[in-house]
PDB file of N, CA and C in Angstrom:
ATOM      1  N   MET A   1      -0.581  -6.374  47.250  1.00  0.00           N
ATOM      2  CA  MET A   1       0.840  -6.174  47.090  1.00  0.00           C
ATOM      3  C   MET A   1       1.568  -6.909  48.219  1.00  0.00           C
ATOM      4  N   LYS A   2       2.614  -7.594  47.871  1.00  0.00           N
ATOM      5  CA  LYS A   2       3.430  -8.287  48.866  1.00  0.00           C
ATOM      6  C   LYS A   2       4.376  -7.300  49.533  1.00  0.00           C
ATOM      7  N   HIS A   3       4.697  -7.579  50.786  1.00  0.00           N
ATOM      8  CA  HIS A   3       5.684  -6.790  51.522  1.00  0.00           C
ATOM      9  C   HIS A   3       6.747  -7.760  52.014  1.00  0.00           C
ATOM     10  N   TRP A   4       8.012  -7.435  51.805  1.00  0.00           N
ATOM     11  CA  TRP A   4       9.122  -8.322  52.133  1.00  0.00           C
ATOM     12  C   TRP A   4       9.900  -7.764  53.314  1.00  0.00           C
ATOM     13  N   LEU A   5      10.238  -8.634  54.269  1.00  0.00           N
ATOM     14  CA  LEU A   5      11.109  -8.287  55.390  1.00  0.00           C
ATOM     15  C   LEU A   5      12.446  -8.970  55.144  1.00  0.00           C
ATOM     16  N   LEU A   6      13.499  -8.184  55.005  1.00  0.00           N
ATOM     17  CA  LEU A   6      14.841  -8.701  54.745  1.00  0.00           C
ATOM     18  C   LEU A   6      15.704  -8.464  55.971  1.00  0.00           C
ATOM     19  N   LYS A   7      16.503  -9.463  56.327  1.00  0.00           N
ATOM     20  CA  LYS A   7      17.399  -9.330  57.475  1.00  0.00           C
ATOM     21  C   LYS A   7      18.838  -9.437  56.993  1.00  0.00           C
ATOM     22  N   SER A   8      19.725  -8.769  57.710  1.00  0.00           N
ATOM     23  CA  SER A   8      21.149  -8.874  57.394  1.00  0.00           C
ATOM     24  C   SER A   8      21.937  -8.858  58.690  1.00  0.00           C
ATOM     25  N   GLU A   9      23.133  -9.361  58.616  1.00  0.00           N
ATOM     26  CA  GLU A   9      24.026  -9.294  59.767  1.00  0.00           C
ATOM     27  C   GLU A   9      24.416  -7.837  59.979  1.00  0.00           C
ATOM     28  N   PRO A  10      24.516  -7.394  61.232  1.00  0.00           N
ATOM     29  CA  PRO A  10      24.754  -5.970  61.491  1.00  0.00           C
ATOM     30  C   PRO A  10      26.056  -5.432  60.907  1.00  0.00           C
ATOM     31  N   ASN A  11      27.053  -6.262  60.780  1.00  0.00           N
ATOM     32  CA  ASN A  11      28.325  -5.767  60.238  1.00  0.00           C
ATOM     33  C   ASN A  11      28.486  -6.090  58.751  1.00  0.00           C
ATOM     34  N   ALA A  12      27.501  -6.736  58.140  1.00  0.00           N
ATOM     35  CA  ALA A  12      27.612  -7.117  56.731  1.00  0.00           C
ATOM     36  C   ALA A  12      27.313  -5.953  55.796  1.00  0.00           C
ATOM     37  N   PHE A  13      26.298  -5.178  56.113  1.00  0.00           N
ATOM     38  CA  PHE A  13      25.918  -4.053  55.254  1.00  0.00           C
ATOM     39  C   PHE A  13      25.222  -3.024  56.128  1.00  0.00           C
ATOM     40  N   LEU A  14      25.870  -1.903  56.310  1.00  0.00           N
ATOM     41  CA  LEU A  14      25.350  -0.873  57.204  1.00  0.00           C
ATOM     42  C   LEU A  14      24.423   0.077  56.459  1.00  0.00           C
ATOM     43  N   LEU A  15      23.555   0.733  57.189  1.00  0.00           N
ATOM     44  CA  LEU A  15      22.682   1.736  56.599  1.00  0.00           C
ATOM     45  C   LEU A  15      23.509   2.835  55.940  1.00  0.00           C
ATOM     46  N   GLU A  16      24.636   3.165  56.524  1.00  0.00           N
ATOM     47  CA  GLU A  16      25.536   4.162  55.930  1.00  0.00           C
ATOM     48  C   GLU A  16      26.037   3.697  54.561  1.00  0.00           C
ATOM     49  N   ASP A  17      26.281   2.386  54.416  1.00  0.00           N
ATOM     50  CA  ASP A  17      26.701   1.853  53.114  1.00  0.00           C
ATOM     51  C   ASP A  17      25.627   2.115  52.063  1.00  0.00           C
ATOM     52  N   LEU A  18      24.370   1.893  52.432  1.00  0.00           N
ATOM     53  CA  LEU A  18      23.270   2.123  51.498  1.00  0.00           C
ATOM     54  C   LEU A  18      23.125   3.603  51.167  1.00  0.00           C
ATOM     55  N   LYS A  19      23.270   4.455  52.165  1.00  0.00           N
ATOM     56  CA  LYS A  19      23.163   5.895  51.927  1.00  0.00           C
ATOM     57  C   LYS A  19      24.248   6.383  50.972  1.00  0.00           C
ATOM     58  N   ASN A  20      25.425   5.754  51.021  1.00  0.00           N
ATOM     59  CA  ASN A  20      26.551   6.169  50.184  1.00  0.00           C
ATOM     60  C   ASN A  20      26.580   5.487  48.817  1.00  0.00           C
ATOM     61  N   ALA A  21      25.720   4.502  48.600  1.00  0.00           N
ATOM     62  CA  ALA A  21      25.694   3.778  47.325  1.00  0.00           C
ATOM     63  C   ALA A  21      25.054   4.643  46.237  1.00  0.00           C
ATOM     64  N   PRO A  22      25.488   4.455  44.985  1.00  0.00           N
ATOM     65  CA  PRO A  22      24.867   5.210  43.891  1.00  0.00           C
ATOM     66  C   PRO A  22      23.366   4.932  43.833  1.00  0.00           C
ATOM     67  N   ASN A  23      22.577   5.981  43.742  1.00  0.00           N
ATOM     68  CA  ASN A  23      21.110   5.881  43.696  1.00  0.00           C
ATOM     69  C   ASN A  23      20.522   5.206  44.934  1.00  0.00           C
ATOM     70  N   GLN A  24      21.316   5.056  45.969  1.00  0.00           N
ATOM     71  CA  GLN A  24      20.916   4.400  47.218  1.00  0.00           C
ATOM     72  C   GLN A  24      20.331   3.016  46.958  1.00  0.00           C
ATOM     73  N   THR A  25      20.971   2.279  46.049  1.00  0.00           N
ATOM     74  CA  THR A  25      20.608   0.888  45.772  1.00  0.00           C
ATOM     75  C   THR A  25      21.875   0.045  45.798  1.00  0.00           C
ATOM     76  N   GLU A  26      21.715  -1.246  46.019  1.00  0.00           N
ATOM     77  CA  GLU A  26      22.863  -2.145  46.062  1.00  0.00           C
ATOM     78  C   GLU A  26      22.386  -3.558  45.740  1.00  0.00           C
ATOM     79  N   CYS A  27      23.214  -4.313  45.060  1.00  0.00           N
ATOM     80  CA  CYS A  27      22.916  -5.706  44.766  1.00  0.00           C
ATOM     81  C   CYS A  27      23.005  -6.522  46.057  1.00  0.00           C
ATOM     82  N   TRP A  28      22.030  -7.378  46.290  1.00  0.00           N
ATOM     83  CA  TRP A  28      22.033  -8.232  47.484  1.00  0.00           C
ATOM     84  C   TRP A  28      22.604  -9.564  47.041  1.00  0.00           C
ATOM     85  N   ASN A  29      23.828  -9.879  47.465  1.00  0.00           N
ATOM     86  CA  ASN A  29      24.446 -11.136  47.055  1.00  0.00           C
ATOM     87  C   ASN A  29      24.826 -11.953  48.283  1.00  0.00           C
ATOM     88  N   GLY A  30      25.253 -13.162  48.063  1.00  0.00           N
ATOM     89  CA  GLY A  30      25.652 -14.023  49.162  1.00  0.00           C
ATOM     90  C   GLY A  30      24.508 -14.798  49.784  1.00  0.00           C
ATOM     91  N   VAL A  31      23.349 -14.825  49.136  1.00  0.00           N
ATOM     92  CA  VAL A  31      22.211 -15.583  49.660  1.00  0.00           C
ATOM     93  C   VAL A  31      22.503 -17.059  49.447  1.00  0.00           C
ATOM     94  N   GLN A  32      22.551 -17.836  50.527  1.00  0.00           N
ATOM     95  CA  GLN A  32      22.916 -19.242  50.440  1.00  0.00           C
ATOM     96  C   GLN A  32      21.711 -20.177  50.455  1.00  0.00           C
ATOM     97  N   ASN A  33      20.563 -19.688  50.891  1.00  0.00           N
ATOM     98  CA  ASN A  33      19.360 -20.505  50.946  1.00  0.00           C
ATOM     99  C   ASN A  33      18.677 -20.458  49.577  1.00  0.00           C
ATOM    100  N   TYR A  34      18.492 -21.630  48.952  1.00  0.00           N
ATOM    101  CA  TYR A  34      17.945 -21.669  47.598  1.00  0.00           C
ATOM    102  C   TYR A  34      16.525 -21.128  47.530  1.00  0.00           C
ATOM    103  N   GLN A  35      15.705 -21.436  48.534  1.00  0.00           N
ATOM    104  CA  GLN A  35      14.328 -20.937  48.520  1.00  0.00           C
ATOM    105  C   GLN A  35      14.305 -19.414  48.611  1.00  0.00           C
ATOM    106  N   ALA A  36      15.137 -18.855  49.490  1.00  0.00           N
ATOM    107  CA  ALA A  36      15.213 -17.396  49.618  1.00  0.00           C
ATOM    108  C   ALA A  36      15.723 -16.772  48.323  1.00  0.00           C
ATOM    109  N   ARG A  37      16.735 -17.380  47.736  1.00  0.00           N
ATOM    110  CA  ARG A  37      17.273 -16.861  46.474  1.00  0.00           C
ATOM    111  C   ARG A  37      16.215 -16.856  45.376  1.00  0.00           C
ATOM    112  N   ASN A  38      15.458 -17.951  45.282  1.00  0.00           N
ATOM    113  CA  ASN A  38      14.428 -18.046  44.249  1.00  0.00           C
ATOM    114  C   ASN A  38      13.314 -17.028  44.471  1.00  0.00           C
ATOM    115  N   LEU A  39      12.919 -16.808  45.717  1.00  0.00           N
ATOM    116  CA  LEU A  39      11.898 -15.800  46.004  1.00  0.00           C
ATOM    117  C   LEU A  39      12.396 -14.412  45.625  1.00  0.00           C
ATOM    118  N   MET A  40      13.643 -14.118  45.963  1.00  0.00           N
ATOM    119  CA  MET A  40      14.200 -12.811  45.619  1.00  0.00           C
ATOM    120  C   MET A  40      14.278 -12.640  44.103  1.00  0.00           C
ATOM    121  N   ARG A  41      14.647 -13.685  43.417  1.00  0.00           N
ATOM    122  CA  ARG A  41      14.813 -13.614  41.963  1.00  0.00           C
ATOM    123  C   ARG A  41      13.469 -13.564  41.233  1.00  0.00           C
ATOM    124  N   ASP A  42      12.513 -14.381  41.679  1.00  0.00           N
ATOM    125  CA  ASP A  42      11.281 -14.571  40.920  1.00  0.00           C
ATOM    126  C   ASP A  42      10.102 -13.734  41.403  1.00  0.00           C
ATOM    127  N   GLU A  43      10.048 -13.420  42.697  1.00  0.00           N
ATOM    128  CA  GLU A  43       8.862 -12.774  43.255  1.00  0.00           C
ATOM    129  C   GLU A  43       9.037 -11.280  43.517  1.00  0.00           C
ATOM    130  N   MET A  44      10.232 -10.865  43.915  1.00  0.00           N
ATOM    131  CA  MET A  44      10.444  -9.448  44.222  1.00  0.00           C
ATOM    132  C   MET A  44      10.527  -8.645  42.931  1.00  0.00           C
ATOM    133  N   LYS A  45       9.868  -7.517  42.923  1.00  0.00           N
ATOM    134  CA  LYS A  45       9.859  -6.653  41.750  1.00  0.00           C
ATOM    135  C   LYS A  45      10.437  -5.292  42.112  1.00  0.00           C
ATOM    136  N   LEU A  46      11.050  -4.620  41.157  1.00  0.00           N
ATOM    137  CA  LEU A  46      11.566  -3.276  41.379  1.00  0.00           C
ATOM    138  C   LEU A  46      10.428  -2.361  41.802  1.00  0.00           C
ATOM    139  N   GLY A  47      10.685  -1.549  42.799  1.00  0.00           N
ATOM    140  CA  GLY A  47       9.673  -0.618  43.283  1.00  0.00           C
ATOM    141  C   GLY A  47       8.711  -1.236  44.269  1.00  0.00           C
ATOM    142  N   GLY A  48       8.890  -2.511  44.604  1.00  0.00           N
ATOM    143  CA  GLY A  48       8.007  -3.169  45.559  1.00  0.00           C
ATOM    144  C   GLY A  48       8.291  -2.707  46.978  1.00  0.00           C
ATOM    145  N   SER A  49       7.504  -3.210  47.908  1.00  0.00           N
ATOM    146  CA  SER A  49       7.605  -2.800  49.306  1.00  0.00           C
ATOM    147  C   SER A  49       8.540  -3.735  50.068  1.00  0.00           C
ATOM    148  N   ARG A  50       9.579  -3.161  50.691  1.00  0.00           N
ATOM    149  CA  ARG A  50      10.554  -3.946  51.446  1.00  0.00           C
ATOM    150  C   ARG A  50      10.923  -3.218  52.727  1.00  0.00           C
ATOM    151  N   THR A  51      11.220  -3.988  53.750  1.00  0.00           N
ATOM    152  CA  THR A  51      11.769  -3.457  54.987  1.00  0.00           C
ATOM    153  C   THR A  51      13.046  -4.231  55.266  1.00  0.00           C
ATOM    154  N   VAL A  52      14.150  -3.536  55.485  1.00  0.00           N
ATOM    155  CA  VAL A  52      15.417  -4.185  55.803  1.00  0.00           C
ATOM    156  C   VAL A  52      15.687  -3.978  57.279  1.00  0.00           C
ATOM    157  N   GLN A  53      15.910  -5.099  57.984  1.00  0.00           N
ATOM    158  CA  GLN A  53      16.141  -5.042  59.421  1.00  0.00           C
ATOM    159  C   GLN A  53      17.480  -5.689  59.744  1.00  0.00           C
ATOM    160  N   PRO A  54      18.478  -4.895  60.141  1.00  0.00           N
ATOM    161  CA  PRO A  54      19.742  -5.493  60.575  1.00  0.00           C
ATOM    162  C   PRO A  54      19.521  -6.271  61.868  1.00  0.00           C
ATOM    163  N   GLN A  55      20.194  -7.388  62.003  1.00  0.00           N
ATOM    164  CA  GLN A  55      20.061  -8.209  63.215  1.00  0.00           C
ATOM    165  C   GLN A  55      21.093  -7.837  64.227  1.00  0.00           C
TER     166      GLN A  55
END
């Protein structure tokens, strides 16, 4: 099983935002790197293992 490490800007999306989101999920948009976008679209699966680390 693959494990994904995702980074975000500290003021872009807070942990509190995720806690307050419906079902504690949120669409990840604004990805500008084509390779990263393609990996997120093609390789990541629902229910997979992810770690989100604010920078």
